[in-house]
Amino acid sequence: MDNQTEIELQAAAFRRLQQHLMQDRVDVQNIDMMNLTGFCRNCLSRWYQEAANERGIEMSKDESREIFYGMPFDEWRAKYQTEASAEQQAEFKVAFEQNVGKAD
């Protein structure tokens, strides 16, 4: 397989993952994803931002989230995010530190 085809297939897989998370499974909470897998929608939007910044494209966290979520993040939270339990929050603290680093 040539390099361009591989890039195109990777991009197609990413777009399908994004569709799955943003349209098919809006019921799955970010905190549950982070606690189970070590990443969530916010991580994906951050990785998108980092890739843009590495290529000299200035992009803020809010801009990358809006691109990934397809709407402003606050709108997404209002539509789909539920309140996290104390247990979920405790698990998240551990998962975040293991996978992202200490929270500021």
PDB file of N, CA and C in Angstrom:
ATOM      1  N   MET A   1       0.857  -1.177   0.000  1.00  0.00           N
ATOM      2  CA  MET A   1       0.000   0.000   0.000  1.00  0.00           C
ATOM      3  C   MET A   1       0.899   1.234   0.000  1.00  0.00           C
ATOM      4  N   ASP A   2       0.556   2.201  -0.835  1.00  0.00           N
ATOM      5  CA  ASP A   2       1.373   3.419  -0.874  1.00  0.00           C
ATOM      6  C   ASP A   2       1.002   4.337   0.290  1.00  0.00           C
ATOM      7  N   ASN A   3       1.885   5.266   0.604  1.00  0.00           N
ATOM      8  CA  ASN A   3       1.746   6.153   1.754  1.00  0.00           C
ATOM      9  C   ASN A   3       0.472   6.994   1.680  1.00  0.00           C
ATOM     10  N   GLN A   4       0.154   7.533   0.528  1.00  0.00           N
ATOM     11  CA  GLN A   4      -1.039   8.372   0.382  1.00  0.00           C
ATOM     12  C   GLN A   4      -2.319   7.576   0.653  1.00  0.00           C
ATOM     13  N   THR A   5      -2.376   6.362   0.170  1.00  0.00           N
ATOM     14  CA  THR A   5      -3.545   5.515   0.421  1.00  0.00           C
ATOM     15  C   THR A   5      -3.670   5.216   1.909  1.00  0.00           C
ATOM     16  N   GLU A   6      -2.547   4.928   2.546  1.00  0.00           N
ATOM     17  CA  GLU A   6      -2.575   4.667   3.990  1.00  0.00           C
ATOM     18  C   GLU A   6      -3.096   5.882   4.752  1.00  0.00           C
ATOM     19  N   ILE A   7      -2.627   7.066   4.406  1.00  0.00           N
ATOM     20  CA  ILE A   7      -3.095   8.304   5.050  1.00  0.00           C
ATOM     21  C   ILE A   7      -4.601   8.477   4.843  1.00  0.00           C
ATOM     22  N   GLU A   8      -5.065   8.230   3.624  1.00  0.00           N
ATOM     23  CA  GLU A   8      -6.489   8.366   3.328  1.00  0.00           C
ATOM     24  C   GLU A   8      -7.338   7.373   4.121  1.00  0.00           C
ATOM     25  N   LEU A   9      -6.852   6.143   4.271  1.00  0.00           N
ATOM     26  CA  LEU A   9      -7.574   5.143   5.059  1.00  0.00           C
ATOM     27  C   LEU A   9      -7.595   5.517   6.539  1.00  0.00           C
ATOM     28  N   GLN A  10      -6.472   6.006   7.050  1.00  0.00           N
ATOM     29  CA  GLN A  10      -6.425   6.455   8.440  1.00  0.00           C
ATOM     30  C   GLN A  10      -7.395   7.611   8.666  1.00  0.00           C
ATOM     31  N   ALA A  11      -7.427   8.554   7.737  1.00  0.00           N
ATOM     32  CA  ALA A  11      -8.344   9.692   7.846  1.00  0.00           C
ATOM     33  C   ALA A  11      -9.796   9.222   7.805  1.00  0.00           C
ATOM     34  N   ALA A  12     -10.098   8.254   6.941  1.00  0.00           N
ATOM     35  CA  ALA A  12     -11.461   7.721   6.860  1.00  0.00           C
ATOM     36  C   ALA A  12     -11.847   7.028   8.167  1.00  0.00           C
ATOM     37  N   ALA A  13     -10.926   6.289   8.751  1.00  0.00           N
ATOM     38  CA  ALA A  13     -11.201   5.617  10.023  1.00  0.00           C
ATOM     39  C   ALA A  13     -11.423   6.643  11.133  1.00  0.00           C
ATOM     40  N   PHE A  14     -10.642   7.711  11.137  1.00  0.00           N
ATOM     41  CA  PHE A  14     -10.815   8.774  12.127  1.00  0.00           C
ATOM     42  C   PHE A  14     -12.183   9.432  11.962  1.00  0.00           C
ATOM     43  N   ARG A  15     -12.562   9.734  10.726  1.00  0.00           N
ATOM     44  CA  ARG A  15     -13.869  10.362  10.487  1.00  0.00           C
ATOM     45  C   ARG A  15     -15.001   9.455  10.947  1.00  0.00           C
ATOM     46  N   ARG A  16     -14.843   8.145  10.750  1.00  0.00           N
ATOM     47  CA  ARG A  16     -15.885   7.202  11.200  1.00  0.00           C
ATOM     48  C   ARG A  16     -15.942   7.134  12.719  1.00  0.00           C
ATOM     49  N   LEU A  17     -14.788   7.160  13.367  1.00  0.00           N
ATOM     50  CA  LEU A  17     -14.762   7.211  14.836  1.00  0.00           C
ATOM     51  C   LEU A  17     -15.448   8.477  15.328  1.00  0.00           C
ATOM     52  N   GLN A  18     -15.137   9.589  14.703  1.00  0.00           N
ATOM     53  CA  GLN A  18     -15.756  10.854  15.087  1.00  0.00           C
ATOM     54  C   GLN A  18     -17.277  10.770  14.909  1.00  0.00           C
ATOM     55  N   GLN A  19     -17.745  10.254  13.791  1.00  0.00           N
ATOM     56  CA  GLN A  19     -19.187  10.115  13.562  1.00  0.00           C
ATOM     57  C   GLN A  19     -19.812   9.214  14.625  1.00  0.00           C
ATOM     58  N   HIS A  20     -19.139   8.111  14.926  1.00  0.00           N
ATOM     59  CA  HIS A  20     -19.661   7.181  15.927  1.00  0.00           C
ATOM     60  C   HIS A  20     -19.842   7.879  17.271  1.00  0.00           C
ATOM     61  N   LEU A  21     -18.849   8.660  17.683  1.00  0.00           N
ATOM     62  CA  LEU A  21     -18.903   9.321  18.985  1.00  0.00           C
ATOM     63  C   LEU A  21     -19.828  10.533  19.005  1.00  0.00           C
ATOM     64  N   MET A  22     -19.937  11.227  17.869  1.00  0.00           N
ATOM     65  CA  MET A  22     -20.676  12.484  17.849  1.00  0.00           C
ATOM     66  C   MET A  22     -22.121  12.329  17.390  1.00  0.00           C
ATOM     67  N   GLN A  23     -22.430  11.232  16.693  1.00  0.00           N
ATOM     68  CA  GLN A  23     -23.797  11.042  16.197  1.00  0.00           C
ATOM     69  C   GLN A  23     -24.431   9.748  16.689  1.00  0.00           C
ATOM     70  N   ASP A  24     -23.677   8.660  16.620  1.00  0.00           N
ATOM     71  CA  ASP A  24     -24.245   7.354  16.927  1.00  0.00           C
ATOM     72  C   ASP A  24     -24.330   7.077  18.424  1.00  0.00           C
ATOM     73  N   ARG A  25     -23.356   7.561  19.193  1.00  0.00           N
ATOM     74  CA  ARG A  25     -23.286   7.227  20.624  1.00  0.00           C
ATOM     75  C   ARG A  25     -23.112   8.465  21.501  1.00  0.00           C
ATOM     76  N   VAL A  26     -23.994   9.425  21.311  1.00  0.00           N
ATOM     77  CA  VAL A  26     -23.930  10.636  22.153  1.00  0.00           C
ATOM     78  C   VAL A  26     -24.269  10.315  23.607  1.00  0.00           C
ATOM     79  N   ASP A  27     -24.842   9.140  23.843  1.00  0.00           N
ATOM     80  CA  ASP A  27     -25.182   8.714  25.196  1.00  0.00           C
ATOM     81  C   ASP A  27     -23.956   8.330  26.024  1.00  0.00           C
ATOM     82  N   VAL A  28     -22.867   7.997  25.360  1.00  0.00           N
ATOM     83  CA  VAL A  28     -21.651   7.604  26.074  1.00  0.00           C
ATOM     84  C   VAL A  28     -20.971   8.866  26.598  1.00  0.00           C
ATOM     85  N   GLN A  29     -20.795   8.915  27.889  1.00  0.00           N
ATOM     86  CA  GLN A  29     -20.227  10.094  28.529  1.00  0.00           C
ATOM     87  C   GLN A  29     -18.704  10.104  28.423  1.00  0.00           C
ATOM     88  N   ASN A  30     -18.135  11.300  28.264  1.00  0.00           N
ATOM     89  CA  ASN A  30     -16.683  11.440  28.214  1.00  0.00           C
ATOM     90  C   ASN A  30     -16.016  10.847  29.446  1.00  0.00           C
ATOM     91  N   ILE A  31     -16.591  11.074  30.605  1.00  0.00           N
ATOM     92  CA  ILE A  31     -15.972  10.586  31.839  1.00  0.00           C
ATOM     93  C   ILE A  31     -15.899   9.061  31.837  1.00  0.00           C
ATOM     94  N   ASP A  32     -16.921   8.405  31.300  1.00  0.00           N
ATOM     95  CA  ASP A  32     -16.898   6.943  31.226  1.00  0.00           C
ATOM     96  C   ASP A  32     -15.846   6.466  30.229  1.00  0.00           C
ATOM     97  N   MET A  33     -15.737   7.164  29.095  1.00  0.00           N
ATOM     98  CA  MET A  33     -14.703   6.818  28.115  1.00  0.00           C
ATOM     99  C   MET A  33     -13.323   6.957  28.745  1.00  0.00           C
ATOM    100  N   MET A  34     -13.089   8.064  29.412  1.00  0.00           N
ATOM    101  CA  MET A  34     -11.778   8.310  30.016  1.00  0.00           C
ATOM    102  C   MET A  34     -11.475   7.259  31.080  1.00  0.00           C
ATOM    103  N   ASN A  35     -12.461   6.954  31.893  1.00  0.00           N
ATOM    104  CA  ASN A  35     -12.251   5.984  32.964  1.00  0.00           C
ATOM    105  C   ASN A  35     -11.973   4.580  32.421  1.00  0.00           C
ATOM    106  N   LEU A  36     -12.585   4.227  31.294  1.00  0.00           N
ATOM    107  CA  LEU A  36     -12.406   2.893  30.731  1.00  0.00           C
ATOM    108  C   LEU A  36     -11.236   2.784  29.754  1.00  0.00           C
ATOM    109  N   THR A  37     -11.012   3.823  28.963  1.00  0.00           N
ATOM    110  CA  THR A  37     -10.053   3.717  27.870  1.00  0.00           C
ATOM    111  C   THR A  37      -8.838   4.617  27.991  1.00  0.00           C
ATOM    112  N   GLY A  38      -8.921   5.629  28.862  1.00  0.00           N
ATOM    113  CA  GLY A  38      -7.806   6.554  28.998  1.00  0.00           C
ATOM    114  C   GLY A  38      -7.833   7.686  27.989  1.00  0.00           C
ATOM    115  N   PHE A  39      -8.908   7.804  27.218  1.00  0.00           N
ATOM    116  CA  PHE A  39      -9.090   8.946  26.321  1.00  0.00           C
ATOM    117  C   PHE A  39     -10.582   9.185  26.137  1.00  0.00           C
ATOM    118  N   CYS A  40     -10.912  10.389  25.670  1.00  0.00           N
ATOM    119  CA  CYS A  40     -12.305  10.742  25.435  1.00  0.00           C
ATOM    120  C   CYS A  40     -12.384  11.697  24.250  1.00  0.00           C
ATOM    121  N   ARG A  41     -13.539  12.229  24.017  1.00  0.00           N
ATOM    122  CA  ARG A  41     -13.724  13.174  22.917  1.00  0.00           C
ATOM    123  C   ARG A  41     -12.810  14.382  23.069  1.00  0.00           C
ATOM    124  N   ASN A  42     -12.656  14.858  24.302  1.00  0.00           N
ATOM    125  CA  ASN A  42     -11.781  16.013  24.530  1.00  0.00           C
ATOM    126  C   ASN A  42     -10.332  15.682  24.168  1.00  0.00           C
ATOM    127  N   CYS A  43      -9.900  14.477  24.462  1.00  0.00           N
ATOM    128  CA  CYS A  43      -8.546  14.061  24.083  1.00  0.00           C
ATOM    129  C   CYS A  43      -8.399  14.081  22.567  1.00  0.00           C
ATOM    130  N   LEU A  44      -9.386  13.543  21.865  1.00  0.00           N
ATOM    131  CA  LEU A  44      -9.334  13.533  20.403  1.00  0.00           C
ATOM    132  C   LEU A  44      -9.265  14.955  19.845  1.00  0.00           C
ATOM    133  N   SER A  45     -10.047  15.864  20.420  1.00  0.00           N
ATOM    134  CA  SER A  45      -9.992  17.246  19.935  1.00  0.00           C
ATOM    135  C   SER A  45      -8.648  17.885  20.269  1.00  0.00           C
ATOM    136  N   ARG A  46      -8.067  17.523  21.416  1.00  0.00           N
ATOM    137  CA  ARG A  46      -6.745  18.053  21.792  1.00  0.00           C
ATOM    138  C   ARG A  46      -5.677  17.515  20.853  1.00  0.00           C
ATOM    139  N   TRP A  47      -5.748  16.247  20.502  1.00  0.00           N
ATOM    140  CA  TRP A  47      -4.773  15.663  19.572  1.00  0.00           C
ATOM    141  C   TRP A  47      -4.888  16.332  18.206  1.00  0.00           C
ATOM    142  N   TYR A  48      -6.112  16.665  17.812  1.00  0.00           N
ATOM    143  CA  TYR A  48      -6.341  17.384  16.556  1.00  0.00           C
ATOM    144  C   TYR A  48      -5.661  18.757  16.626  1.00  0.00           C
ATOM    145  N   GLN A  49      -5.874  19.455  17.728  1.00  0.00           N
ATOM    146  CA  GLN A  49      -5.254  20.769  17.936  1.00  0.00           C
ATOM    147  C   GLN A  49      -3.735  20.668  17.911  1.00  0.00           C
ATOM    148  N   GLU A  50      -3.193  19.686  18.612  1.00  0.00           N
ATOM    149  CA  GLU A  50      -1.738  19.509  18.651  1.00  0.00           C
ATOM    150  C   GLU A  50      -1.181  19.234  17.256  1.00  0.00           C
ATOM    151  N   ALA A  51      -1.868  18.416  16.463  1.00  0.00           N
ATOM    152  CA  ALA A  51      -1.423  18.131  15.104  1.00  0.00           C
ATOM    153  C   ALA A  51      -1.434  19.399  14.259  1.00  0.00           C
ATOM    154  N   ALA A  52      -2.461  20.215  14.418  1.00  0.00           N
ATOM    155  CA  ALA A  52      -2.526  21.482  13.679  1.00  0.00           C
ATOM    156  C   ALA A  52      -1.384  22.399  14.103  1.00  0.00           C
ATOM    157  N   ASN A  53      -1.195  22.544  15.409  1.00  0.00           N
ATOM    158  CA  ASN A  53      -0.143  23.426  15.924  1.00  0.00           C
ATOM    159  C   ASN A  53       1.239  22.969  15.474  1.00  0.00           C
ATOM    160  N   GLU A  54       1.475  21.657  15.434  1.00  0.00           N
ATOM    161  CA  GLU A  54       2.766  21.123  14.978  1.00  0.00           C
ATOM    162  C   GLU A  54       3.040  21.467  13.522  1.00  0.00           C
ATOM    163  N   ARG A  55       1.981  21.716  12.778  1.00  0.00           N
ATOM    164  CA  ARG A  55       2.121  22.062  11.359  1.00  0.00           C
ATOM    165  C   ARG A  55       2.048  23.573  11.128  1.00  0.00           C
ATOM    166  N   GLY A  56       2.129  24.342  12.207  1.00  0.00           N
ATOM    167  CA  GLY A  56       2.126  25.791  12.101  1.00  0.00           C
ATOM    168  C   GLY A  56       0.748  26.399  11.942  1.00  0.00           C
ATOM    169  N   ILE A  57      -0.299  25.615  12.165  1.00  0.00           N
ATOM    170  CA  ILE A  57      -1.668  26.121  12.090  1.00  0.00           C
ATOM    171  C   ILE A  57      -2.107  26.472  13.507  1.00  0.00           C
ATOM    172  N   GLU A  58      -2.328  27.737  13.756  1.00  0.00           N
ATOM    173  CA  GLU A  58      -2.756  28.146  15.094  1.00  0.00           C
ATOM    174  C   GLU A  58      -4.203  27.738  15.299  1.00  0.00           C
ATOM    175  N   MET A  59      -4.436  27.038  16.403  1.00  0.00           N
ATOM    176  CA  MET A  59      -5.770  26.573  16.725  1.00  0.00           C
ATOM    177  C   MET A  59      -5.889  26.509  18.242  1.00  0.00           C
ATOM    178  N   SER A  60      -6.916  27.103  18.772  1.00  0.00           N
ATOM    179  CA  SER A  60      -7.137  27.085  20.216  1.00  0.00           C
ATOM    180  C   SER A  60      -7.872  25.806  20.619  1.00  0.00           C
ATOM    181  N   LYS A  61      -7.905  25.562  21.922  1.00  0.00           N
ATOM    182  CA  LYS A  61      -8.641  24.415  22.448  1.00  0.00           C
ATOM    183  C   LYS A  61     -10.115  24.528  22.078  1.00  0.00           C
ATOM    184  N   ASP A  62     -10.693  25.730  22.214  1.00  0.00           N
ATOM    185  CA  ASP A  62     -12.102  25.915  21.877  1.00  0.00           C
ATOM    186  C   ASP A  62     -12.361  25.679  20.391  1.00  0.00           C
ATOM    187  N   GLU A  63     -11.450  26.150  19.539  1.00  0.00           N
ATOM    188  CA  GLU A  63     -11.610  25.937  18.095  1.00  0.00           C
ATOM    189  C   GLU A  63     -11.552  24.454  17.745  1.00  0.00           C
ATOM    190  N   SER A  64     -10.601  23.737  18.323  1.00  0.00           N
ATOM    191  CA  SER A  64     -10.482  22.312  18.003  1.00  0.00           C
ATOM    192  C   SER A  64     -11.679  21.534  18.530  1.00  0.00           C
ATOM    193  N   ARG A  65     -12.172  21.912  19.700  1.00  0.00           N
ATOM    194  CA  ARG A  65     -13.355  21.236  20.230  1.00  0.00           C
ATOM    195  C   ARG A  65     -14.568  21.483  19.338  1.00  0.00           C
ATOM    196  N   GLU A  66     -14.734  22.706  18.856  1.00  0.00           N
ATOM    197  CA  GLU A  66     -15.878  22.995  17.991  1.00  0.00           C
ATOM    198  C   GLU A  66     -15.779  22.214  16.681  1.00  0.00           C
ATOM    199  N   ILE A  67     -14.572  22.085  16.144  1.00  0.00           N
ATOM    200  CA  ILE A  67     -14.384  21.285  14.931  1.00  0.00           C
ATOM    201  C   ILE A  67     -14.736  19.833  15.216  1.00  0.00           C
ATOM    202  N   PHE A  68     -14.208  19.284  16.306  1.00  0.00           N
ATOM    203  CA  PHE A  68     -14.447  17.870  16.593  1.00  0.00           C
ATOM    204  C   PHE A  68     -15.902  17.603  16.977  1.00  0.00           C
ATOM    205  N   TYR A  69     -16.460  18.442  17.862  1.00  0.00           N
ATOM    206  CA  TYR A  69     -17.821  18.228  18.346  1.00  0.00           C
ATOM    207  C   TYR A  69     -18.883  18.646  17.334  1.00  0.00           C
ATOM    208  N   GLY A  70     -18.502  19.487  16.366  1.00  0.00           N
ATOM    209  CA  GLY A  70     -19.469  19.963  15.387  1.00  0.00           C
ATOM    210  C   GLY A  70     -20.362  21.068  15.918  1.00  0.00           C
ATOM    211  N   MET A  71     -20.014  21.595  17.065  1.00  0.00           N
ATOM    212  CA  MET A  71     -20.762  22.673  17.717  1.00  0.00           C
ATOM    213  C   MET A  71     -19.889  23.183  18.870  1.00  0.00           C
ATOM    214  N   PRO A  72     -20.188  24.361  19.408  1.00  0.00           N
ATOM    215  CA  PRO A  72     -19.429  24.802  20.581  1.00  0.00           C
ATOM    216  C   PRO A  72     -19.544  23.779  21.716  1.00  0.00           C
ATOM    217  N   PHE A  73     -18.460  23.612  22.455  1.00  0.00           N
ATOM    218  CA  PHE A  73     -18.413  22.597  23.507  1.00  0.00           C
ATOM    219  C   PHE A  73     -19.504  22.823  24.550  1.00  0.00           C
ATOM    220  N   ASP A  74     -19.765  24.074  24.916  1.00  0.00           N
ATOM    221  CA  ASP A  74     -20.813  24.348  25.903  1.00  0.00           C
ATOM    222  C   ASP A  74     -22.184  23.863  25.417  1.00  0.00           C
ATOM    223  N   GLU A  75     -22.431  23.990  24.125  1.00  0.00           N
ATOM    224  CA  GLU A  75     -23.689  23.497  23.551  1.00  0.00           C
ATOM    225  C   GLU A  75     -23.756  21.979  23.647  1.00  0.00           C
ATOM    226  N   TRP A  76     -22.639  21.300  23.334  1.00  0.00           N
ATOM    227  CA  TRP A  76     -22.584  19.842  23.446  1.00  0.00           C
ATOM    228  C   TRP A  76     -22.883  19.406  24.879  1.00  0.00           C
ATOM    229  N   ARG A  77     -22.212  20.058  25.829  1.00  0.00           N
ATOM    230  CA  ARG A  77     -22.427  19.687  27.236  1.00  0.00           C
ATOM    231  C   ARG A  77     -23.878  19.859  27.633  1.00  0.00           C
ATOM    232  N   ALA A  78     -24.492  20.968  27.232  1.00  0.00           N
ATOM    233  CA  ALA A  78     -25.889  21.215  27.592  1.00  0.00           C
ATOM    234  C   ALA A  78     -26.820  20.160  26.992  1.00  0.00           C
ATOM    235  N   LYS A  79     -26.515  19.696  25.782  1.00  0.00           N
ATOM    236  CA  LYS A  79     -27.375  18.719  25.105  1.00  0.00           C
ATOM    237  C   LYS A  79     -27.173  17.296  25.616  1.00  0.00           C
ATOM    238  N   TYR A  80     -25.921  16.916  25.894  1.00  0.00           N
ATOM    239  CA  TYR A  80     -25.625  15.491  26.070  1.00  0.00           C
ATOM    240  C   TYR A  80     -24.952  15.094  27.383  1.00  0.00           C
ATOM    241  N   GLN A  81     -24.303  15.997  28.053  1.00  0.00           N
ATOM    242  CA  GLN A  81     -23.536  15.595  29.231  1.00  0.00           C
ATOM    243  C   GLN A  81     -24.434  15.502  30.457  1.00  0.00           C
ATOM    244  N   THR A  82     -24.238  14.441  31.208  1.00  0.00           N
ATOM    245  CA  THR A  82     -24.980  14.249  32.453  1.00  0.00           C
ATOM    246  C   THR A  82     -24.052  14.494  33.635  1.00  0.00           C
ATOM    247  N   GLU A  83     -24.632  14.625  34.792  1.00  0.00           N
ATOM    248  CA  GLU A  83     -23.857  14.861  36.011  1.00  0.00           C
ATOM    249  C   GLU A  83     -23.085  13.595  36.378  1.00  0.00           C
ATOM    250  N   ALA A  84     -21.803  13.766  36.680  1.00  0.00           N
ATOM    251  CA  ALA A  84     -20.960  12.632  37.067  1.00  0.00           C
ATOM    252  C   ALA A  84     -21.113  12.353  38.557  1.00  0.00           C
ATOM    253  N   SER A  85     -21.120  11.073  38.887  1.00  0.00           N
ATOM    254  CA  SER A  85     -21.204  10.672  40.289  1.00  0.00           C
ATOM    255  C   SER A  85     -19.849  10.903  40.977  1.00  0.00           C
ATOM    256  N   ALA A  86     -19.856  10.866  42.272  1.00  0.00           N
ATOM    257  CA  ALA A  86     -18.608  11.011  43.036  1.00  0.00           C
ATOM    258  C   ALA A  86     -17.635   9.891  42.674  1.00  0.00           C
ATOM    259  N   GLU A  87     -18.158   8.685  42.471  1.00  0.00           N
ATOM    260  CA  GLU A  87     -17.313   7.546  42.094  1.00  0.00           C
ATOM    261  C   GLU A  87     -16.684   7.775  40.714  1.00  0.00           C
ATOM    262  N   GLN A  88     -17.472   8.242  39.750  1.00  0.00           N
ATOM    263  CA  GLN A  88     -16.945   8.530  38.410  1.00  0.00           C
ATOM    264  C   GLN A  88     -15.856   9.608  38.482  1.00  0.00           C
ATOM    265  N   GLN A  89     -16.096  10.631  39.288  1.00  0.00           N
ATOM    266  CA  GLN A  89     -15.126  11.716  39.417  1.00  0.00           C
ATOM    267  C   GLN A  89     -13.821  11.226  40.035  1.00  0.00           C
ATOM    268  N   ALA A  90     -13.910  10.349  41.019  1.00  0.00           N
ATOM    269  CA  ALA A  90     -12.703   9.792  41.637  1.00  0.00           C
ATOM    270  C   ALA A  90     -11.934   8.934  40.636  1.00  0.00           C
ATOM    271  N   GLU A  91     -12.638   8.104  39.879  1.00  0.00           N
ATOM    272  CA  GLU A  91     -11.992   7.279  38.851  1.00  0.00           C
ATOM    273  C   GLU A  91     -11.361   8.165  37.776  1.00  0.00           C
ATOM    274  N   PHE A  92     -12.055   9.252  37.426  1.00  0.00           N
ATOM    275  CA  PHE A  92     -11.548  10.167  36.405  1.00  0.00           C
ATOM    276  C   PHE A  92     -10.239  10.813  36.839  1.00  0.00           C
ATOM    277  N   LYS A  93     -10.156  11.201  38.102  1.00  0.00           N
ATOM    278  CA  LYS A  93      -8.931  11.835  38.602  1.00  0.00           C
ATOM    279  C   LYS A  93      -7.735  10.916  38.370  1.00  0.00           C
ATOM    280  N   VAL A  94      -7.895   9.641  38.673  1.00  0.00           N
ATOM    281  CA  VAL A  94      -6.830   8.658  38.472  1.00  0.00           C
ATOM    282  C   VAL A  94      -6.542   8.477  36.981  1.00  0.00           C
ATOM    283  N   ALA A  95      -7.591   8.276  36.181  1.00  0.00           N
ATOM    284  CA  ALA A  95      -7.419   8.050  34.742  1.00  0.00           C
ATOM    285  C   ALA A  95      -6.764   9.253  34.073  1.00  0.00           C
ATOM    286  N   PHE A  96      -7.172  10.461  34.460  1.00  0.00           N
ATOM    287  CA  PHE A  96      -6.607  11.673  33.865  1.00  0.00           C
ATOM    288  C   PHE A  96      -5.123  11.766  34.171  1.00  0.00           C
ATOM    289  N   GLU A  97      -4.755  11.560  35.423  1.00  0.00           N
ATOM    290  CA  GLU A  97      -3.340  11.641  35.809  1.00  0.00           C
ATOM    291  C   GLU A  97      -2.511  10.577  35.107  1.00  0.00           C
ATOM    292  N   GLN A  98      -3.057   9.374  34.940  1.00  0.00           N
ATOM    293  CA  GLN A  98      -2.316   8.295  34.272  1.00  0.00           C
ATOM    294  C   GLN A  98      -2.134   8.553  32.778  1.00  0.00           C
ATOM    295  N   ASN A  99      -3.142   9.171  32.159  1.00  0.00           N
ATOM    296  CA  ASN A  99      -3.129   9.291  30.702  1.00  0.00           C
ATOM    297  C   ASN A  99      -2.824  10.670  30.161  1.00  0.00           C
ATOM    298  N   VAL A 100      -3.066  11.701  30.936  1.00  0.00           N
ATOM    299  CA  VAL A 100      -2.851  13.064  30.467  1.00  0.00           C
ATOM    300  C   VAL A 100      -1.793  13.772  31.308  1.00  0.00           C
ATOM    301  N   GLY A 101      -1.856  13.605  32.601  1.00  0.00           N
ATOM    302  CA  GLY A 101      -0.932  14.262  33.509  1.00  0.00           C
ATOM    303  C   GLY A 101      -1.700  14.934  34.622  1.00  0.00           C
ATOM    304  N   LYS A 102      -0.981  15.547  35.501  1.00  0.00           N
ATOM    305  CA  LYS A 102      -1.608  16.252  36.626  1.00  0.00           C
ATOM    306  C   LYS A 102      -2.464  17.386  36.096  1.00  0.00           C
ATOM    307  N   ALA A 103      -3.671  17.536  36.657  1.00  0.00           N
ATOM    308  CA  ALA A 103      -4.549  18.647  36.285  1.00  0.00           C
ATOM    309  C   ALA A 103      -3.995  19.932  36.883  1.00  0.00           C
ATOM    310  N   ASP A 104      -4.149  21.007  36.112  1.00  0.00           N
ATOM    311  CA  ASP A 104      -3.672  22.313  36.598  1.00  0.00           C
ATOM    312  C   ASP A 104      -4.588  22.888  37.631  1.00  0.00           C
TER     313      ASP A 104
END
